């Protein structure tokens, strides 16, 4: 039983250094992916906004409302 206890990590125990490193890398990669997705969404939103404002101005110019 003692040998089995030594092989199974207990709740609250730290993981082996190489396992911690892998988990940190995975966490960092997930964080980087989330940040990249956020920035991309913001850029797309800005492009949509700019396109919409351009279309509104074009309609105003065409109808004479932009004077």
PDB file of N, CA and C in Angstrom:
ATOM      1  N   UNK A   1       0.815  -1.190   0.000  1.00  0.00           N
ATOM      2  CA  UNK A   1       0.000   0.000   0.000  1.00  0.00           C
ATOM      3  C   UNK A   1       0.863   1.260   0.000  1.00  0.00           C
ATOM      4  N   UNK A   2       1.973   1.241   0.726  1.00  0.00           N
ATOM      5  CA  UNK A   2       2.847   2.409   0.760  1.00  0.00           C
ATOM      6  C   UNK A   2       3.410   2.711  -0.626  1.00  0.00           C
ATOM      7  N   UNK A   3       3.767   1.687  -1.368  1.00  0.00           N
ATOM      8  CA  UNK A   3       4.306   1.887  -2.711  1.00  0.00           C
ATOM      9  C   UNK A   3       3.257   2.515  -3.616  1.00  0.00           C
ATOM     10  N   UNK A   4       2.012   2.086  -3.473  1.00  0.00           N
ATOM     11  CA  UNK A   4       0.924   2.638  -4.271  1.00  0.00           C
ATOM     12  C   UNK A   4       0.700   4.108  -3.927  1.00  0.00           C
ATOM     13  N   UNK A   5       0.764   4.462  -2.665  1.00  0.00           N
ATOM     14  CA  UNK A   5       0.592   5.851  -2.242  1.00  0.00           C
ATOM     15  C   UNK A   5       1.677   6.745  -2.843  1.00  0.00           C
ATOM     16  N   UNK A   6       2.886   6.218  -2.937  1.00  0.00           N
ATOM     17  CA  UNK A   6       3.993   6.998  -3.482  1.00  0.00           C
ATOM     18  C   UNK A   6       3.806   7.253  -4.968  1.00  0.00           C
ATOM     19  N   UNK A   7       3.131   6.345  -5.665  1.00  0.00           N
ATOM     20  CA  UNK A   7       2.964   6.468  -7.111  1.00  0.00           C
ATOM     21  C   UNK A   7       1.808   7.402  -7.481  1.00  0.00           C
ATOM     22  N   UNK A   8       0.805   7.516  -6.635  1.00  0.00           N
ATOM     23  CA  UNK A   8      -0.377   8.309  -6.940  1.00  0.00           C
ATOM     24  C   UNK A   8      -0.264   9.655  -6.232  1.00  0.00           C
ATOM     25  N   UNK A   9      -0.259  10.754  -7.007  1.00  0.00           N
ATOM     26  CA  UNK A   9      -0.182  12.068  -6.360  1.00  0.00           C
ATOM     27  C   UNK A   9      -1.432  12.328  -5.526  1.00  0.00           C
ATOM     28  N   UNK A  10      -1.239  12.920  -4.389  1.00  0.00           N
ATOM     29  CA  UNK A  10      -2.345  13.239  -3.495  1.00  0.00           C
ATOM     30  C   UNK A  10      -2.908  14.614  -3.857  1.00  0.00           C
ATOM     31  N   UNK A  11      -4.156  14.830  -3.480  1.00  0.00           N
ATOM     32  CA  UNK A  11      -4.792  16.114  -3.738  1.00  0.00           C
ATOM     33  C   UNK A  11      -3.976  17.206  -3.051  1.00  0.00           C
ATOM     34  N   UNK A  12      -3.700  18.265  -3.800  1.00  0.00           N
ATOM     35  CA  UNK A  12      -2.955  19.383  -3.253  1.00  0.00           C
ATOM     36  C   UNK A  12      -1.454  19.280  -3.453  1.00  0.00           C
ATOM     37  N   UNK A  13      -0.976  18.117  -3.856  1.00  0.00           N
ATOM     38  CA  UNK A  13       0.457  17.982  -4.111  1.00  0.00           C
ATOM     39  C   UNK A  13       0.801  18.621  -5.444  1.00  0.00           C
ATOM     40  N   UNK A  14       2.008  19.115  -5.541  1.00  0.00           N
ATOM     41  CA  UNK A  14       2.440  19.699  -6.805  1.00  0.00           C
ATOM     42  C   UNK A  14       2.783  18.597  -7.792  1.00  0.00           C
ATOM     43  N   UNK A  15       2.733  18.933  -9.037  1.00  0.00           N
ATOM     44  CA  UNK A  15       3.046  17.979 -10.097  1.00  0.00           C
ATOM     45  C   UNK A  15       4.548  17.975 -10.340  1.00  0.00           C
ATOM     46  N   UNK A  16       4.997  16.984 -11.091  1.00  0.00           N
ATOM     47  CA  UNK A  16       6.412  16.903 -11.461  1.00  0.00           C
ATOM     48  C   UNK A  16       6.773  18.151 -12.262  1.00  0.00           C
ATOM     49  N   UNK A  17       8.010  18.628 -12.165  1.00  0.00           N
ATOM     50  CA  UNK A  17       8.401  19.861 -12.867  1.00  0.00           C
ATOM     51  C   UNK A  17       8.107  19.834 -14.363  1.00  0.00           C
ATOM     52  N   UNK A  18       8.369  18.708 -15.022  1.00  0.00           N
ATOM     53  CA  UNK A  18       8.117  18.671 -16.471  1.00  0.00           C
ATOM     54  C   UNK A  18       6.621  18.732 -16.779  1.00  0.00           C
ATOM     55  N   UNK A  19       5.797  18.172 -15.907  1.00  0.00           N
ATOM     56  CA  UNK A  19       4.351  18.229 -16.101  1.00  0.00           C
ATOM     57  C   UNK A  19       3.841  19.651 -15.860  1.00  0.00           C
ATOM     58  N   UNK A  20       4.394  20.314 -14.847  1.00  0.00           N
ATOM     59  CA  UNK A  20       4.014  21.703 -14.585  1.00  0.00           C
ATOM     60  C   UNK A  20       4.384  22.576 -15.773  1.00  0.00           C
ATOM     61  N   UNK A  21       5.553  22.340 -16.339  1.00  0.00           N
ATOM     62  CA  UNK A  21       5.999  23.123 -17.499  1.00  0.00           C
ATOM     63  C   UNK A  21       5.073  22.948 -18.685  1.00  0.00           C
ATOM     64  N   UNK A  22       4.642  21.710 -18.920  1.00  0.00           N
ATOM     65  CA  UNK A  22       3.723  21.451 -20.030  1.00  0.00           C
ATOM     66  C   UNK A  22       2.383  22.136 -19.784  1.00  0.00           C
ATOM     67  N   UNK A  23       1.922  22.090 -18.546  1.00  0.00           N
ATOM     68  CA  UNK A  23       0.641  22.717 -18.224  1.00  0.00           C
ATOM     69  C   UNK A  23       0.722  24.233 -18.371  1.00  0.00           C
ATOM     70  N   UNK A  24       1.844  24.814 -17.971  1.00  0.00           N
ATOM     71  CA  UNK A  24       2.036  26.259 -18.119  1.00  0.00           C
ATOM     72  C   UNK A  24       2.049  26.643 -19.588  1.00  0.00           C
ATOM     73  N   UNK A  25       2.749  25.859 -20.409  1.00  0.00           N
ATOM     74  CA  UNK A  25       2.806  26.138 -21.844  1.00  0.00           C
ATOM     75  C   UNK A  25       1.417  26.047 -22.457  1.00  0.00           C
ATOM     76  N   UNK A  26       0.661  25.041 -22.074  1.00  0.00           N
ATOM     77  CA  UNK A  26      -0.696  24.879 -22.604  1.00  0.00           C
ATOM     78  C   UNK A  26      -1.565  26.054 -22.167  1.00  0.00           C
ATOM     79  N   UNK A  27      -1.426  26.463 -20.930  1.00  0.00           N
ATOM     80  CA  UNK A  27      -2.192  27.609 -20.437  1.00  0.00           C
ATOM     81  C   UNK A  27      -1.813  28.887 -21.154  1.00  0.00           C
ATOM     82  N   UNK A  28      -0.520  29.074 -21.384  1.00  0.00           N
ATOM     83  CA  UNK A  28      -0.065  30.261 -22.105  1.00  0.00           C
ATOM     84  C   UNK A  28      -0.576  30.253 -23.542  1.00  0.00           C
ATOM     85  N   UNK A  29      -0.539  29.092 -24.184  1.00  0.00           N
ATOM     86  CA  UNK A  29      -1.020  28.988 -25.561  1.00  0.00           C
ATOM     87  C   UNK A  29      -2.506  29.307 -25.630  1.00  0.00           C
ATOM     88  N   UNK A  30      -3.263  28.814 -24.668  1.00  0.00           N
ATOM     89  CA  UNK A  30      -4.709  29.099 -24.638  1.00  0.00           C
ATOM     90  C   UNK A  30      -4.947  30.586 -24.419  1.00  0.00           C
ATOM     91  N   UNK A  31      -4.176  31.180 -23.539  1.00  0.00           N
ATOM     92  CA  UNK A  31      -4.313  32.618 -23.290  1.00  0.00           C
ATOM     93  C   UNK A  31      -3.957  33.437 -24.513  1.00  0.00           C
ATOM     94  N   UNK A  32      -2.900  33.029 -25.203  1.00  0.00           N
ATOM     95  CA  UNK A  32      -2.497  33.731 -26.423  1.00  0.00           C
ATOM     96  C   UNK A  32      -3.561  33.603 -27.506  1.00  0.00           C
ATOM     97  N   UNK A  33      -4.143  32.410 -27.637  1.00  0.00           N
ATOM     98  CA  UNK A  33      -5.188  32.185 -28.635  1.00  0.00           C
ATOM     99  C   UNK A  33      -6.412  33.040 -28.325  1.00  0.00           C
ATOM    100  N   UNK A  34      -6.767  33.128 -27.062  1.00  0.00           N
ATOM    101  CA  UNK A  34      -7.922  33.940 -26.676  1.00  0.00           C
ATOM    102  C   UNK A  34      -7.664  35.417 -26.962  1.00  0.00           C
ATOM    103  N   UNK A  35      -6.478  35.889 -26.662  1.00  0.00           N
ATOM    104  CA  UNK A  35      -6.134  37.290 -26.920  1.00  0.00           C
ATOM    105  C   UNK A  35      -6.164  37.579 -28.416  1.00  0.00           C
ATOM    106  N   UNK A  36      -5.630  36.656 -29.206  1.00  0.00           N
ATOM    107  CA  UNK A  36      -5.623  36.821 -30.657  1.00  0.00           C
ATOM    108  C   UNK A  36      -7.041  36.851 -31.204  1.00  0.00           C
ATOM    109  N   UNK A  37      -7.902  35.979 -30.701  1.00  0.00           N
ATOM    110  CA  UNK A  37      -9.298  35.949 -31.142  1.00  0.00           C
ATOM    111  C   UNK A  37      -9.998  37.254 -30.781  1.00  0.00           C
ATOM    112  N   UNK A  38      -9.715  37.774 -29.600  1.00  0.00           N
ATOM    113  CA  UNK A  38     -10.310  39.040 -29.165  1.00  0.00           C
ATOM    114  C   UNK A  38      -9.883  40.175 -30.093  1.00  0.00           C
ATOM    115  N   UNK A  39      -8.598  40.238 -30.398  1.00  0.00           N
ATOM    116  CA  UNK A  39      -8.088  41.303 -31.260  1.00  0.00           C
ATOM    117  C   UNK A  39      -8.674  41.192 -32.667  1.00  0.00           C
ATOM    118  N   UNK A  40      -8.788  39.974 -33.172  1.00  0.00           N
ATOM    119  CA  UNK A  40      -9.363  39.767 -34.497  1.00  0.00           C
ATOM    120  C   UNK A  40     -10.818  40.204 -34.521  1.00  0.00           C
ATOM    121  N   UNK A  41     -11.567  39.850 -33.495  1.00  0.00           N
ATOM    122  CA  UNK A  41     -12.975  40.249 -33.419  1.00  0.00           C
ATOM    123  C   UNK A  41     -13.110  41.766 -33.363  1.00  0.00           C
ATOM    124  N   UNK A  42     -12.220  42.415 -32.632  1.00  0.00           N
ATOM    125  CA  UNK A  42     -12.263  43.874 -32.552  1.00  0.00           C
ATOM    126  C   UNK A  42     -11.951  44.505 -33.907  1.00  0.00           C
ATOM    127  N   UNK A  43     -10.986  43.939 -34.623  1.00  0.00           N
ATOM    128  CA  UNK A  43     -10.628  44.464 -35.940  1.00  0.00           C
ATOM    129  C   UNK A  43     -11.786  44.293 -36.920  1.00  0.00           C
ATOM    130  N   UNK A  44     -12.415  43.128 -36.896  1.00  0.00           N
ATOM    131  CA  UNK A  44     -13.552  42.882 -37.779  1.00  0.00           C
ATOM    132  C   UNK A  44     -14.694  43.831 -37.440  1.00  0.00           C
ATOM    133  N   UNK A  45     -14.957  44.016 -36.169  1.00  0.00           N
ATOM    134  CA  UNK A  45     -15.998  44.945 -35.747  1.00  0.00           C
ATOM    135  C   UNK A  45     -15.726  46.354 -36.238  1.00  0.00           C
ATOM    136  N   UNK A  46     -14.487  46.785 -36.157  1.00  0.00           N
ATOM    137  CA  UNK A  46     -14.124  48.125 -36.626  1.00  0.00           C
ATOM    138  C   UNK A  46     -14.316  48.238 -38.134  1.00  0.00           C
ATOM    139  N   UNK A  47     -13.945  47.186 -38.866  1.00  0.00           N
ATOM    140  CA  UNK A  47     -14.131  47.200 -40.321  1.00  0.00           C
ATOM    141  C   UNK A  47     -15.614  47.286 -40.685  1.00  0.00           C
ATOM    142  N   UNK A  48     -16.451  46.542 -39.965  1.00  0.00           N
ATOM    143  CA  UNK A  48     -17.893  46.588 -40.214  1.00  0.00           C
ATOM    144  C   UNK A  48     -18.424  47.987 -39.932  1.00  0.00           C
ATOM    145  N   UNK A  49     -17.990  48.557 -38.831  1.00  0.00           N
ATOM    146  CA  UNK A  49     -18.427  49.905 -38.470  1.00  0.00           C
ATOM    147  C   UNK A  49     -18.024  50.913 -39.543  1.00  0.00           C
ATOM    148  N   UNK A  50     -16.765  50.846 -39.986  1.00  0.00           N
ATOM    149  CA  UNK A  50     -16.276  51.783 -40.998  1.00  0.00           C
ATOM    150  C   UNK A  50     -17.040  51.625 -42.305  1.00  0.00           C
ATOM    151  N   UNK A  51     -17.304  50.387 -42.707  1.00  0.00           N
ATOM    152  CA  UNK A  51     -18.039  50.123 -43.940  1.00  0.00           C
ATOM    153  C   UNK A  51     -19.461  50.660 -43.840  1.00  0.00           C
ATOM    154  N   UNK A  52     -20.081  50.449 -42.702  1.00  0.00           N
ATOM    155  CA  UNK A  52     -21.451  50.928 -42.494  1.00  0.00           C
ATOM    156  C   UNK A  52     -21.515  52.447 -42.535  1.00  0.00           C
ATOM    157  N   UNK A  53     -20.575  53.096 -41.875  1.00  0.00           N
ATOM    158  CA  UNK A  53     -20.554  54.564 -41.896  1.00  0.00           C
ATOM    159  C   UNK A  53     -20.325  55.085 -43.311  1.00  0.00           C
ATOM    160  N   UNK A  54     -19.486  54.401 -44.065  1.00  0.00           N
ATOM    161  CA  UNK A  54     -19.260  54.788 -45.459  1.00  0.00           C
ATOM    162  C   UNK A  54     -20.522  54.646 -46.288  1.00  0.00           C
ATOM    163  N   UNK A  55     -21.265  53.574 -46.055  1.00  0.00           N
ATOM    164  CA  UNK A  55     -22.513  53.358 -46.787  1.00  0.00           C
ATOM    165  C   UNK A  55     -23.540  54.425 -46.414  1.00  0.00           C
ATOM    166  N   UNK A  56     -23.604  54.784 -45.146  1.00  0.00           N
ATOM    167  CA  UNK A  56     -24.537  55.829 -44.703  1.00  0.00           C
ATOM    168  C   UNK A  56     -24.190  57.147 -45.378  1.00  0.00           C
ATOM    169  N   UNK A  57     -22.919  57.478 -45.413  1.00  0.00           N
ATOM    170  CA  UNK A  57     -22.495  58.726 -46.073  1.00  0.00           C
ATOM    171  C   UNK A  57     -22.821  58.699 -47.562  1.00  0.00           C
ATOM    172  N   UNK A  58     -22.647  57.550 -48.204  1.00  0.00           N
ATOM    173  CA  UNK A  58     -22.959  57.438 -49.632  1.00  0.00           C
ATOM    174  C   UNK A  58     -24.444  57.669 -49.882  1.00  0.00           C
ATOM    175  N   UNK A  59     -25.291  57.118 -49.028  1.00  0.00           N
ATOM    176  CA  UNK A  59     -26.739  57.323 -49.168  1.00  0.00           C
ATOM    177  C   UNK A  59     -27.087  58.792 -48.927  1.00  0.00           C
ATOM    178  N   UNK A  60     -26.487  59.396 -47.910  1.00  0.00           N
ATOM    179  CA  UNK A  60     -26.748  60.812 -47.639  1.00  0.00           C
ATOM    180  C   UNK A  60     -26.318  61.677 -48.830  1.00  0.00           C
ATOM    181  N   UNK A  61     -25.165  61.380 -49.404  1.00  0.00           N
ATOM    182  CA  UNK A  61     -24.684  62.139 -50.552  1.00  0.00           C
ATOM    183  C   UNK A  61     -25.615  61.953 -51.753  1.00  0.00           C
ATOM    184  N   UNK A  62     -26.063  60.728 -51.960  1.00  0.00           N
ATOM    185  CA  UNK A  62     -26.925  60.428 -53.106  1.00  0.00           C
ATOM    186  C   UNK A  62     -28.292  61.079 -52.973  1.00  0.00           C
ATOM    187  N   UNK A  63     -28.763  61.234 -51.755  1.00  0.00           N
ATOM    188  CA  UNK A  63     -30.098  61.807 -51.543  1.00  0.00           C
ATOM    189  C   UNK A  63     -30.051  63.292 -51.214  1.00  0.00           C
ATOM    190  N   UNK A  64     -28.861  63.843 -51.143  1.00  0.00           N
ATOM    191  CA  UNK A  64     -28.723  65.269 -50.859  1.00  0.00           C
ATOM    192  C   UNK A  64     -28.892  65.620 -49.394  1.00  0.00           C
ATOM    193  N   UNK A  65     -28.843  64.665 -48.519  1.00  0.00           N
ATOM    194  CA  UNK A  65     -29.017  64.925 -47.091  1.00  0.00           C
ATOM    195  C   UNK A  65     -27.716  65.314 -46.390  1.00  0.00           C
ATOM    196  N   UNK A  66     -26.626  65.309 -47.099  1.00  0.00           N
ATOM    197  CA  UNK A  66     -25.304  65.515 -46.482  1.00  0.00           C
ATOM    198  C   UNK A  66     -24.797  66.935 -46.762  1.00  0.00           C
ATOM    199  N   UNK A  67     -25.704  67.860 -46.840  1.00  0.00           N
ATOM    200  CA  UNK A  67     -25.272  69.232 -47.152  1.00  0.00           C
ATOM    201  C   UNK A  67     -25.443  70.149 -45.983  1.00  0.00           C
TER     202      UNK A  67
END
